[in-house]
C-alpha cells in the first residue's frame, strides 16, 4: 500500500519545482513537471481501486474478512481517502505550476521576438542604403561626392533613432 511518505515526497517535489520556477527554466524544469505529473497519475491509479474495496470492507460486505479487523477498516479507509485527496490537491498544484511555467516561457519568447524585431528594424535603413550604394551602377545620386558617406551614415542613424522613437511612442519598448 502507498504510505503517506510517497504523497509527502510528491508534495515536497512540487514545492521544489515551485521554487525553481523563478530560478530555473527550460528543459530541466519541464522534465521535472512532466515526471511529477506522471508520478501523480501512477499514484492515483494505485489508490483509486482501493477506495471502493476499503469502503465495502468498512460496511461489512465481506463477513469472512471482518472479524477482528472490523474496527480497522474505517481507519484504513480514512487514510486511503486522505492520500487520494492529497493526490488531487497535488494534481491541481502541478497543473498551476505548469501553467505558470508556460506563461514565463511565453513571456521570454515574446521578449526575444521583440528584441529581434527592434534589431531588424534598426538595421533596415542601413540595409536599404547599403544595398543601394554598393551596386556597381553609374549615376547614383551624389555617389561621386566625398561627403556622401557621412550623409548616408547620418541618414541611417536618424532612421534607427526614428524607429526606436516610434516603438517607444507605441509603447512597444
N, C-alpha and C. Protein backbone atom coordinates (compact mmCIF):
# COMPACT_ATOMS: atom_id res chain seq x y z
N UNK A 1 0.84 -1.17 0.00
CA UNK A 1 0.00 0.00 0.00
C UNK A 1 0.90 1.24 0.00
N UNK A 2 0.42 2.34 -0.61
CA UNK A 2 1.16 3.59 -0.65
C UNK A 2 1.09 4.26 0.72
N UNK A 3 2.19 4.67 1.23
CA UNK A 3 2.22 5.34 2.51
C UNK A 3 2.17 6.84 2.31
N UNK A 4 1.89 7.53 3.38
CA UNK A 4 1.86 8.99 3.32
C UNK A 4 3.19 9.56 2.87
N UNK A 5 4.28 8.84 3.10
CA UNK A 5 5.59 9.35 2.73
C UNK A 5 5.70 9.56 1.21
N UNK A 6 5.02 8.72 0.43
CA UNK A 6 5.07 8.88 -1.03
C UNK A 6 4.35 10.16 -1.44
N UNK A 7 3.18 10.42 -0.86
CA UNK A 7 2.47 11.65 -1.20
C UNK A 7 3.19 12.85 -0.63
N UNK A 8 3.86 12.70 0.52
CA UNK A 8 4.64 13.80 1.06
C UNK A 8 5.83 14.10 0.16
N UNK A 9 6.44 13.03 -0.39
CA UNK A 9 7.55 13.23 -1.32
C UNK A 9 7.07 13.97 -2.56
N UNK A 10 5.89 13.61 -3.06
CA UNK A 10 5.32 14.31 -4.20
C UNK A 10 5.08 15.77 -3.86
N UNK A 11 4.56 16.03 -2.67
CA UNK A 11 4.32 17.42 -2.24
C UNK A 11 5.62 18.19 -2.14
N UNK A 12 6.66 17.57 -1.59
CA UNK A 12 7.93 18.29 -1.48
C UNK A 12 8.54 18.50 -2.86
N UNK A 13 8.33 17.57 -3.78
CA UNK A 13 8.80 17.75 -5.16
C UNK A 13 8.08 18.93 -5.80
N UNK A 14 6.78 19.03 -5.57
CA UNK A 14 6.02 20.15 -6.12
C UNK A 14 6.52 21.46 -5.52
N UNK A 15 6.78 21.49 -4.22
CA UNK A 15 7.33 22.70 -3.59
C UNK A 15 8.67 23.06 -4.20
N UNK A 16 9.51 22.06 -4.44
CA UNK A 16 10.81 22.28 -5.05
C UNK A 16 10.65 22.87 -6.46
N UNK A 17 9.77 22.30 -7.25
CA UNK A 17 9.53 22.78 -8.62
C UNK A 17 9.02 24.22 -8.57
N UNK A 18 8.13 24.50 -7.63
CA UNK A 18 7.58 25.85 -7.50
C UNK A 18 8.70 26.85 -7.20
N UNK A 19 9.63 26.49 -6.32
CA UNK A 19 10.76 27.38 -6.01
C UNK A 19 11.67 27.55 -7.22
N UNK A 20 11.84 26.48 -7.99
CA UNK A 20 12.73 26.52 -9.15
C UNK A 20 12.14 27.29 -10.32
N UNK A 21 10.83 27.52 -10.28
CA UNK A 21 10.15 28.19 -11.38
C UNK A 21 10.77 29.55 -11.67
N UNK A 22 11.18 30.26 -10.63
CA UNK A 22 11.76 31.58 -10.82
C UNK A 22 13.24 31.51 -11.18
N UNK A 23 13.94 30.49 -10.69
CA UNK A 23 15.37 30.41 -10.89
C UNK A 23 15.79 29.63 -12.14
N UNK A 24 15.04 28.60 -12.45
CA UNK A 24 15.44 27.64 -13.47
C UNK A 24 14.37 27.63 -14.56
N UNK A 25 14.79 27.42 -15.76
CA UNK A 25 13.80 27.30 -16.82
C UNK A 25 14.28 26.29 -17.85
N UNK A 26 13.48 26.13 -18.84
CA UNK A 26 13.90 25.27 -19.92
C UNK A 26 13.57 23.82 -19.70
N UNK A 27 14.37 22.98 -20.32
CA UNK A 27 14.09 21.56 -20.37
C UNK A 27 14.10 20.88 -19.01
N UNK A 28 14.99 21.27 -18.13
CA UNK A 28 15.09 20.61 -16.82
C UNK A 28 13.81 20.81 -16.02
N UNK A 29 13.29 22.02 -16.00
CA UNK A 29 12.06 22.29 -15.26
C UNK A 29 10.86 21.61 -15.91
N UNK A 30 10.80 21.64 -17.21
CA UNK A 30 9.71 20.97 -17.92
C UNK A 30 9.75 19.47 -17.65
N UNK A 31 10.96 18.91 -17.60
CA UNK A 31 11.11 17.48 -17.29
C UNK A 31 10.64 17.18 -15.86
N UNK A 32 11.01 18.04 -14.90
CA UNK A 32 10.56 17.86 -13.51
C UNK A 32 9.03 17.89 -13.42
N UNK A 33 8.42 18.84 -14.11
CA UNK A 33 6.95 18.96 -14.09
C UNK A 33 6.33 17.71 -14.71
N UNK A 34 6.88 17.28 -15.82
CA UNK A 34 6.34 16.11 -16.52
C UNK A 34 6.45 14.84 -15.67
N UNK A 35 7.60 14.64 -15.05
CA UNK A 35 7.79 13.46 -14.20
C UNK A 35 6.84 13.49 -13.01
N UNK A 36 6.68 14.66 -12.41
CA UNK A 36 5.78 14.77 -11.25
C UNK A 36 4.34 14.51 -11.66
N UNK A 37 3.93 15.03 -12.80
CA UNK A 37 2.56 14.74 -13.29
C UNK A 37 2.37 13.24 -13.50
N UNK A 38 3.37 12.61 -14.10
CA UNK A 38 3.29 11.16 -14.34
C UNK A 38 3.21 10.40 -13.02
N UNK A 39 4.02 10.79 -12.05
CA UNK A 39 4.01 10.13 -10.75
C UNK A 39 2.65 10.27 -10.06
N UNK A 40 2.05 11.42 -10.16
CA UNK A 40 0.73 11.62 -9.56
C UNK A 40 -0.29 10.70 -10.21
N UNK A 41 -0.24 10.60 -11.52
CA UNK A 41 -1.17 9.71 -12.23
C UNK A 41 -0.94 8.26 -11.81
N UNK A 42 0.32 7.86 -11.68
CA UNK A 42 0.63 6.48 -11.25
C UNK A 42 0.08 6.24 -9.85
N UNK A 43 0.30 7.18 -8.94
CA UNK A 43 -0.22 7.04 -7.57
C UNK A 43 -1.73 6.97 -7.58
N UNK A 44 -2.37 7.79 -8.40
CA UNK A 44 -3.84 7.76 -8.46
C UNK A 44 -4.36 6.42 -8.97
N UNK A 45 -3.69 5.87 -9.97
CA UNK A 45 -4.14 4.57 -10.49
C UNK A 45 -3.93 3.45 -9.46
N UNK A 46 -3.02 3.66 -8.54
CA UNK A 46 -2.81 2.66 -7.49
C UNK A 46 -3.82 2.82 -6.36
N UNK A 47 -4.20 4.04 -6.07
CA UNK A 47 -5.08 4.32 -4.92
C UNK A 47 -6.55 4.18 -5.28
N UNK A 48 -6.93 4.58 -6.47
CA UNK A 48 -8.34 4.61 -6.84
C UNK A 48 -9.06 3.27 -6.63
N UNK A 49 -8.47 2.15 -7.04
CA UNK A 49 -9.17 0.87 -6.83
C UNK A 49 -9.32 0.49 -5.35
N UNK A 50 -8.47 1.04 -4.50
CA UNK A 50 -8.54 0.71 -3.08
C UNK A 50 -9.75 1.35 -2.38
N UNK A 51 -10.18 2.50 -2.87
CA UNK A 51 -11.28 3.22 -2.21
C UNK A 51 -12.55 2.38 -2.10
N UNK A 52 -13.07 1.82 -3.21
CA UNK A 52 -14.29 1.02 -3.06
C UNK A 52 -14.08 -0.26 -2.25
N UNK A 53 -12.89 -0.85 -2.34
CA UNK A 53 -12.63 -2.08 -1.58
C UNK A 53 -12.69 -1.80 -0.09
N UNK A 54 -11.98 -0.78 0.37
CA UNK A 54 -12.00 -0.45 1.80
C UNK A 54 -13.36 0.06 2.24
N UNK A 55 -14.06 0.73 1.34
CA UNK A 55 -15.43 1.18 1.65
C UNK A 55 -16.33 -0.04 1.90
N UNK A 56 -16.23 -1.04 1.03
CA UNK A 56 -17.02 -2.26 1.20
C UNK A 56 -16.61 -3.01 2.47
N UNK A 57 -15.32 -3.06 2.75
CA UNK A 57 -14.85 -3.73 3.97
C UNK A 57 -15.37 -3.02 5.22
N UNK A 58 -15.37 -1.68 5.18
CA UNK A 58 -15.86 -0.92 6.33
C UNK A 58 -17.35 -1.20 6.58
N UNK A 59 -18.11 -1.37 5.51
CA UNK A 59 -19.56 -1.61 5.62
C UNK A 59 -19.86 -3.08 5.97
N UNK A 60 -18.84 -3.93 6.01
CA UNK A 60 -19.03 -5.32 6.38
C UNK A 60 -19.53 -6.18 5.24
N UNK A 61 -19.26 -5.79 4.01
CA UNK A 61 -19.74 -6.52 2.83
C UNK A 61 -19.10 -7.91 2.72
N UNK A 62 -17.92 -8.08 3.27
CA UNK A 62 -17.21 -9.36 3.21
C UNK A 62 -17.05 -9.90 4.64
N UNK A 63 -18.03 -10.64 5.13
CA UNK A 63 -18.01 -11.09 6.54
C UNK A 63 -16.80 -11.94 6.89
N UNK A 64 -16.29 -12.71 5.92
CA UNK A 64 -15.14 -13.56 6.22
C UNK A 64 -13.89 -12.73 6.51
N UNK A 65 -13.84 -11.46 6.07
CA UNK A 65 -12.67 -10.62 6.31
C UNK A 65 -12.87 -9.69 7.51
N UNK A 66 -14.06 -9.58 8.02
CA UNK A 66 -14.29 -8.62 9.10
C UNK A 66 -13.78 -9.14 10.43
N UNK A 67 -14.45 -9.91 11.12
CA UNK A 67 -13.98 -10.46 12.39
C UNK A 67 -13.29 -9.42 13.25
N UNK A 68 -12.03 -9.69 13.59
CA UNK A 68 -11.28 -8.78 14.46
C UNK A 68 -10.81 -7.53 13.73
N UNK A 69 -10.86 -7.53 12.42
CA UNK A 69 -10.39 -6.39 11.62
C UNK A 69 -11.46 -5.32 11.44
N UNK A 70 -12.68 -5.56 11.84
CA UNK A 70 -13.78 -4.63 11.60
C UNK A 70 -13.45 -3.22 12.06
N UNK A 71 -12.85 -3.08 13.19
CA UNK A 71 -12.55 -1.75 13.73
C UNK A 71 -11.48 -1.02 12.92
N UNK A 72 -10.67 -1.73 12.17
CA UNK A 72 -9.55 -1.12 11.46
C UNK A 72 -9.90 -0.67 10.04
N UNK A 73 -10.93 -1.24 9.43
CA UNK A 73 -11.26 -0.89 8.04
C UNK A 73 -11.61 0.58 7.91
N UNK A 74 -12.29 1.14 8.89
CA UNK A 74 -12.64 2.56 8.85
C UNK A 74 -11.38 3.42 8.87
N UNK A 75 -10.44 3.05 9.73
CA UNK A 75 -9.17 3.80 9.79
C UNK A 75 -8.41 3.71 8.48
N UNK A 76 -8.36 2.51 7.92
CA UNK A 76 -7.66 2.34 6.65
C UNK A 76 -8.34 3.13 5.53
N UNK A 77 -9.67 3.11 5.52
CA UNK A 77 -10.40 3.88 4.51
C UNK A 77 -10.10 5.37 4.66
N UNK A 78 -10.08 5.87 5.89
CA UNK A 78 -9.76 7.28 6.12
C UNK A 78 -8.37 7.63 5.59
N UNK A 79 -7.40 6.77 5.85
CA UNK A 79 -6.04 7.01 5.38
C UNK A 79 -5.97 7.02 3.86
N UNK A 80 -6.61 6.07 3.23
CA UNK A 80 -6.60 6.00 1.77
C UNK A 80 -7.31 7.22 1.17
N UNK A 81 -8.40 7.65 1.79
CA UNK A 81 -9.11 8.84 1.30
C UNK A 81 -8.25 10.09 1.45
N UNK A 82 -7.51 10.19 2.55
CA UNK A 82 -6.62 11.33 2.73
C UNK A 82 -5.52 11.34 1.68
N UNK A 83 -4.98 10.16 1.38
CA UNK A 83 -3.96 10.06 0.33
C UNK A 83 -4.56 10.49 -1.01
N UNK A 84 -5.76 10.03 -1.31
CA UNK A 84 -6.43 10.39 -2.56
C UNK A 84 -6.64 11.90 -2.65
N UNK A 85 -7.11 12.50 -1.57
CA UNK A 85 -7.35 13.95 -1.56
C UNK A 85 -6.05 14.72 -1.74
N UNK A 86 -4.99 14.23 -1.12
CA UNK A 86 -3.69 14.88 -1.26
C UNK A 86 -3.19 14.79 -2.70
N UNK A 87 -3.41 13.63 -3.32
CA UNK A 87 -3.02 13.48 -4.73
C UNK A 87 -3.81 14.44 -5.62
N UNK A 88 -5.09 14.59 -5.34
CA UNK A 88 -5.92 15.53 -6.11
C UNK A 88 -5.40 16.97 -5.93
N UNK A 89 -5.06 17.33 -4.70
CA UNK A 89 -4.50 18.67 -4.44
C UNK A 89 -3.19 18.86 -5.18
N UNK A 90 -2.33 17.84 -5.12
CA UNK A 90 -1.04 17.91 -5.81
C UNK A 90 -1.22 18.01 -7.32
N UNK A 91 -2.23 17.33 -7.84
CA UNK A 91 -2.52 17.39 -9.27
C UNK A 91 -2.88 18.83 -9.67
N UNK A 92 -3.69 19.48 -8.86
CA UNK A 92 -4.06 20.87 -9.13
C UNK A 92 -2.85 21.80 -9.02
N UNK A 93 -2.02 21.57 -8.00
CA UNK A 93 -0.84 22.40 -7.82
C UNK A 93 0.11 22.29 -9.00
N UNK A 94 0.39 21.08 -9.44
CA UNK A 94 1.34 20.90 -10.54
C UNK A 94 0.75 21.45 -11.84
N UNK A 95 -0.56 21.40 -12.00
CA UNK A 95 -1.19 22.00 -13.18
C UNK A 95 -1.01 23.51 -13.16
N UNK A 96 -1.16 24.11 -11.98
CA UNK A 96 -0.95 25.56 -11.85
C UNK A 96 0.49 25.95 -12.10
N UNK A 97 1.42 25.15 -11.57
CA UNK A 97 2.84 25.43 -11.79
C UNK A 97 3.18 25.28 -13.27
N UNK A 98 2.62 24.27 -13.91
CA UNK A 98 2.86 24.07 -15.34
C UNK A 98 2.34 25.26 -16.14
N UNK A 99 1.18 25.74 -15.78
CA UNK A 99 0.60 26.90 -16.46
C UNK A 99 1.48 28.14 -16.26
N UNK A 100 1.98 28.32 -15.03
CA UNK A 100 2.87 29.45 -14.75
C UNK A 100 4.15 29.33 -15.57
N UNK A 101 4.71 28.14 -15.64
CA UNK A 101 5.93 27.93 -16.42
C UNK A 101 5.69 28.25 -17.90
N UNK A 102 4.56 27.82 -18.42
CA UNK A 102 4.24 28.12 -19.82
C UNK A 102 4.12 29.63 -20.04
N UNK A 103 3.54 30.33 -19.08
CA UNK A 103 3.42 31.79 -19.18
C UNK A 103 4.79 32.46 -19.16
N UNK A 104 5.67 31.98 -18.28
CA UNK A 104 7.02 32.54 -18.20
C UNK A 104 7.77 32.30 -19.50
N UNK A 105 7.68 31.08 -20.03
CA UNK A 105 8.36 30.77 -21.29
C UNK A 105 7.81 31.59 -22.44
N UNK A 106 6.50 31.77 -22.46
CA UNK A 106 5.87 32.57 -23.50
C UNK A 106 6.32 34.03 -23.41
N UNK A 107 6.41 34.54 -22.18
CA UNK A 107 6.87 35.91 -21.98
C UNK A 107 8.31 36.08 -22.44
N UNK A 108 9.16 35.10 -22.12
CA UNK A 108 10.56 35.16 -22.56
C UNK A 108 10.65 35.12 -24.08
N UNK A 109 9.85 34.28 -24.71
CA UNK A 109 9.84 34.22 -26.17
C UNK A 109 9.37 35.54 -26.77
N UNK A 110 8.36 36.16 -26.16
CA UNK A 110 7.88 37.45 -26.63
C UNK A 110 8.96 38.52 -26.52
N UNK A 111 9.71 38.50 -25.41
CA UNK A 111 10.81 39.45 -25.25
C UNK A 111 11.89 39.24 -26.31
N UNK A 112 12.19 37.99 -26.60
CA UNK A 112 13.20 37.69 -27.62
C UNK A 112 12.73 38.17 -28.99
N UNK A 113 11.47 37.90 -29.31
CA UNK A 113 10.93 38.35 -30.60
C UNK A 113 10.95 39.87 -30.67
N UNK A 114 10.61 40.53 -29.56
CA UNK A 114 10.64 41.99 -29.54
C UNK A 114 12.05 42.51 -29.78
N UNK A 115 13.03 41.90 -29.11
CA UNK A 115 14.42 42.30 -29.28
C UNK A 115 14.87 42.12 -30.73
N UNK A 116 14.57 40.96 -31.30
CA UNK A 116 14.97 40.71 -32.69
C UNK A 116 14.27 41.65 -33.66
N UNK A 117 13.02 41.99 -33.37
CA UNK A 117 12.28 42.94 -34.21
C UNK A 117 12.93 44.32 -34.17
N UNK A 118 13.33 44.75 -32.98
CA UNK A 118 13.98 46.06 -32.85
C UNK A 118 15.30 46.07 -33.62
N UNK A 119 16.10 45.02 -33.45
CA UNK A 119 17.39 44.95 -34.16
C UNK A 119 17.16 44.97 -35.67
N UNK A 120 16.20 44.18 -36.13
CA UNK A 120 15.90 44.13 -37.56
C UNK A 120 15.41 45.48 -38.07
N UNK A 121 14.56 46.12 -37.30
CA UNK A 121 14.02 47.42 -37.70
C UNK A 121 15.09 48.49 -37.75
N UNK A 122 16.00 48.46 -36.80
CA UNK A 122 17.08 49.44 -36.79
C UNK A 122 18.04 49.18 -37.95
N UNK A 123 18.28 47.93 -38.26
CA UNK A 123 19.20 47.58 -39.35
C UNK A 123 18.58 47.81 -40.73
N UNK A 124 17.26 47.89 -40.80
CA UNK A 124 16.58 48.00 -42.10
C UNK A 124 17.05 49.21 -42.91
N UNK A 125 17.10 50.43 -42.35
CA UNK A 125 17.58 51.56 -43.17
C UNK A 125 19.00 51.36 -43.65
N UNK A 126 19.85 50.80 -42.79
CA UNK A 126 21.24 50.55 -43.18
C UNK A 126 21.30 49.58 -44.36
N UNK A 127 20.51 48.53 -44.30
CA UNK A 127 20.50 47.53 -45.36
C UNK A 127 20.05 48.15 -46.68
N UNK A 128 19.00 48.96 -46.64
CA UNK A 128 18.49 49.59 -47.87
C UNK A 128 19.55 50.51 -48.49
N UNK A 129 20.09 51.41 -47.67
CA UNK A 129 21.07 52.36 -48.19
C UNK A 129 22.34 51.63 -48.62
N UNK A 130 22.77 50.67 -47.83
CA UNK A 130 23.98 49.91 -48.16
C UNK A 130 23.79 49.17 -49.49
N UNK A 131 22.65 48.52 -49.65
CA UNK A 131 22.41 47.80 -50.91
C UNK A 131 22.34 48.74 -52.10
N UNK A 132 21.75 49.89 -51.90
CA UNK A 132 21.61 50.86 -52.99
C UNK A 132 22.98 51.39 -53.44
N UNK A 133 23.79 51.79 -52.48
CA UNK A 133 25.07 52.40 -52.83
C UNK A 133 26.20 51.39 -53.02
N UNK A 134 25.96 50.12 -52.76
CA UNK A 134 27.01 49.13 -53.01
C UNK A 134 26.91 48.54 -54.42
N UNK A 135 25.89 48.94 -55.15
CA UNK A 135 25.75 48.45 -56.53
C UNK A 135 26.77 49.15 -57.43
N UNK A 136 27.22 48.44 -58.40
CA UNK A 136 28.16 48.99 -59.37
C UNK A 136 27.38 49.63 -60.52
N UNK A 137 26.67 50.70 -60.19
CA UNK A 137 25.84 51.37 -61.19
C UNK A 137 26.27 52.83 -61.28
N UNK A 138 26.41 53.29 -62.47
CA UNK A 138 26.74 54.70 -62.67
C UNK A 138 25.49 55.55 -62.53
N UNK A 139 25.65 56.74 -62.01
CA UNK A 139 24.54 57.68 -61.96
C UNK A 139 23.79 57.71 -60.64
N UNK A 140 24.29 57.02 -59.60
CA UNK A 140 23.62 57.11 -58.30
C UNK A 140 23.78 58.54 -57.78
N UNK A 141 22.74 59.08 -57.19
CA UNK A 141 22.81 60.48 -56.73
C UNK A 141 23.95 60.68 -55.72
N UNK A 142 24.74 61.68 -55.96
CA UNK A 142 25.84 62.11 -55.08
C UNK A 142 26.91 61.03 -54.85
N UNK A 143 26.96 60.03 -55.68
CA UNK A 143 27.91 58.92 -55.50
C UNK A 143 29.35 59.39 -55.59
N UNK A 144 29.62 60.44 -56.33
CA UNK A 144 30.98 60.92 -56.51
C UNK A 144 31.38 61.96 -55.47
N UNK A 145 30.44 62.38 -54.64
CA UNK A 145 30.73 63.41 -53.63
C UNK A 145 31.44 62.79 -52.42
N UNK A 146 32.45 63.45 -51.88
CA UNK A 146 33.18 62.90 -50.75
C UNK A 146 32.36 62.90 -49.45
N UNK A 147 31.40 63.75 -49.34
CA UNK A 147 30.60 63.85 -48.11
C UNK A 147 29.44 62.85 -48.06
N UNK A 148 29.24 62.10 -49.14
CA UNK A 148 28.08 61.20 -49.20
C UNK A 148 28.13 60.11 -48.13
N UNK A 149 29.30 59.62 -47.79
CA UNK A 149 29.41 58.56 -46.79
C UNK A 149 28.91 59.08 -45.44
N UNK A 150 29.35 60.28 -45.05
CA UNK A 150 28.91 60.87 -43.78
C UNK A 150 27.40 61.12 -43.81
N UNK A 151 26.90 61.59 -44.94
CA UNK A 151 25.47 61.86 -45.07
C UNK A 151 24.66 60.56 -44.97
N UNK A 152 25.15 59.50 -45.59
CA UNK A 152 24.45 58.23 -45.53
C UNK A 152 24.45 57.67 -44.10
N UNK A 153 25.61 57.77 -43.42
CA UNK A 153 25.64 57.32 -42.02
C UNK A 153 24.67 58.13 -41.17
N UNK A 154 24.60 59.42 -41.42
CA UNK A 154 23.66 60.27 -40.67
C UNK A 154 22.22 59.85 -40.95
N UNK A 155 21.91 59.58 -42.22
CA UNK A 155 20.55 59.13 -42.57
C UNK A 155 20.22 57.79 -41.90
N UNK A 156 21.17 56.89 -41.91
CA UNK A 156 20.95 55.58 -41.27
C UNK A 156 20.74 55.75 -39.78
N UNK A 157 21.58 56.60 -39.15
CA UNK A 157 21.44 56.86 -37.72
C UNK A 157 20.07 57.47 -37.41
N UNK A 158 19.67 58.45 -38.21
CA UNK A 158 18.36 59.09 -37.99
C UNK A 158 17.22 58.08 -38.20
N UNK A 159 17.36 57.22 -39.18
CA UNK A 159 16.33 56.19 -39.41
C UNK A 159 16.21 55.26 -38.21
N UNK A 160 17.35 54.81 -37.66
CA UNK A 160 17.34 53.95 -36.48
C UNK A 160 16.73 54.64 -35.27
N UNK A 161 17.12 55.90 -35.04
CA UNK A 161 16.56 56.66 -33.92
C UNK A 161 15.07 56.87 -34.12
N UNK A 162 14.67 57.15 -35.35
CA UNK A 162 13.25 57.33 -35.64
C UNK A 162 12.43 56.07 -35.36
N UNK A 163 12.98 54.94 -35.73
CA UNK A 163 12.28 53.67 -35.48
C UNK A 163 12.18 53.41 -33.97
N UNK A 164 13.27 53.66 -33.25
CA UNK A 164 13.23 53.47 -31.79
C UNK A 164 12.22 54.43 -31.17
N UNK A 165 12.19 55.67 -31.61
CA UNK A 165 11.23 56.64 -31.08
C UNK A 165 9.79 56.20 -31.38
N UNK A 166 9.56 55.68 -32.57
CA UNK A 166 8.23 55.20 -32.93
C UNK A 166 7.82 54.03 -32.03
N UNK A 167 8.76 53.11 -31.80
CA UNK A 167 8.47 51.98 -30.91
C UNK A 167 8.17 52.45 -29.50
N UNK A 168 8.91 53.45 -29.03
CA UNK A 168 8.65 54.00 -27.69
C UNK A 168 7.28 54.67 -27.67
N UNK A 169 6.96 55.43 -28.73
CA UNK A 169 5.66 56.11 -28.82
C UNK A 169 4.51 55.11 -28.78
N UNK A 170 4.67 54.00 -29.45
CA UNK A 170 3.64 52.96 -29.48
C UNK A 170 3.68 52.08 -28.24
N UNK A 171 4.66 52.32 -27.35
CA UNK A 171 4.85 51.57 -26.12
C UNK A 171 5.16 50.10 -26.40
N UNK A 172 5.94 49.88 -27.46
CA UNK A 172 6.37 48.53 -27.79
C UNK A 172 7.72 48.23 -27.18
N UNK A 173 8.38 49.23 -26.66
CA UNK A 173 9.69 49.06 -25.97
C UNK A 173 9.53 49.47 -24.53
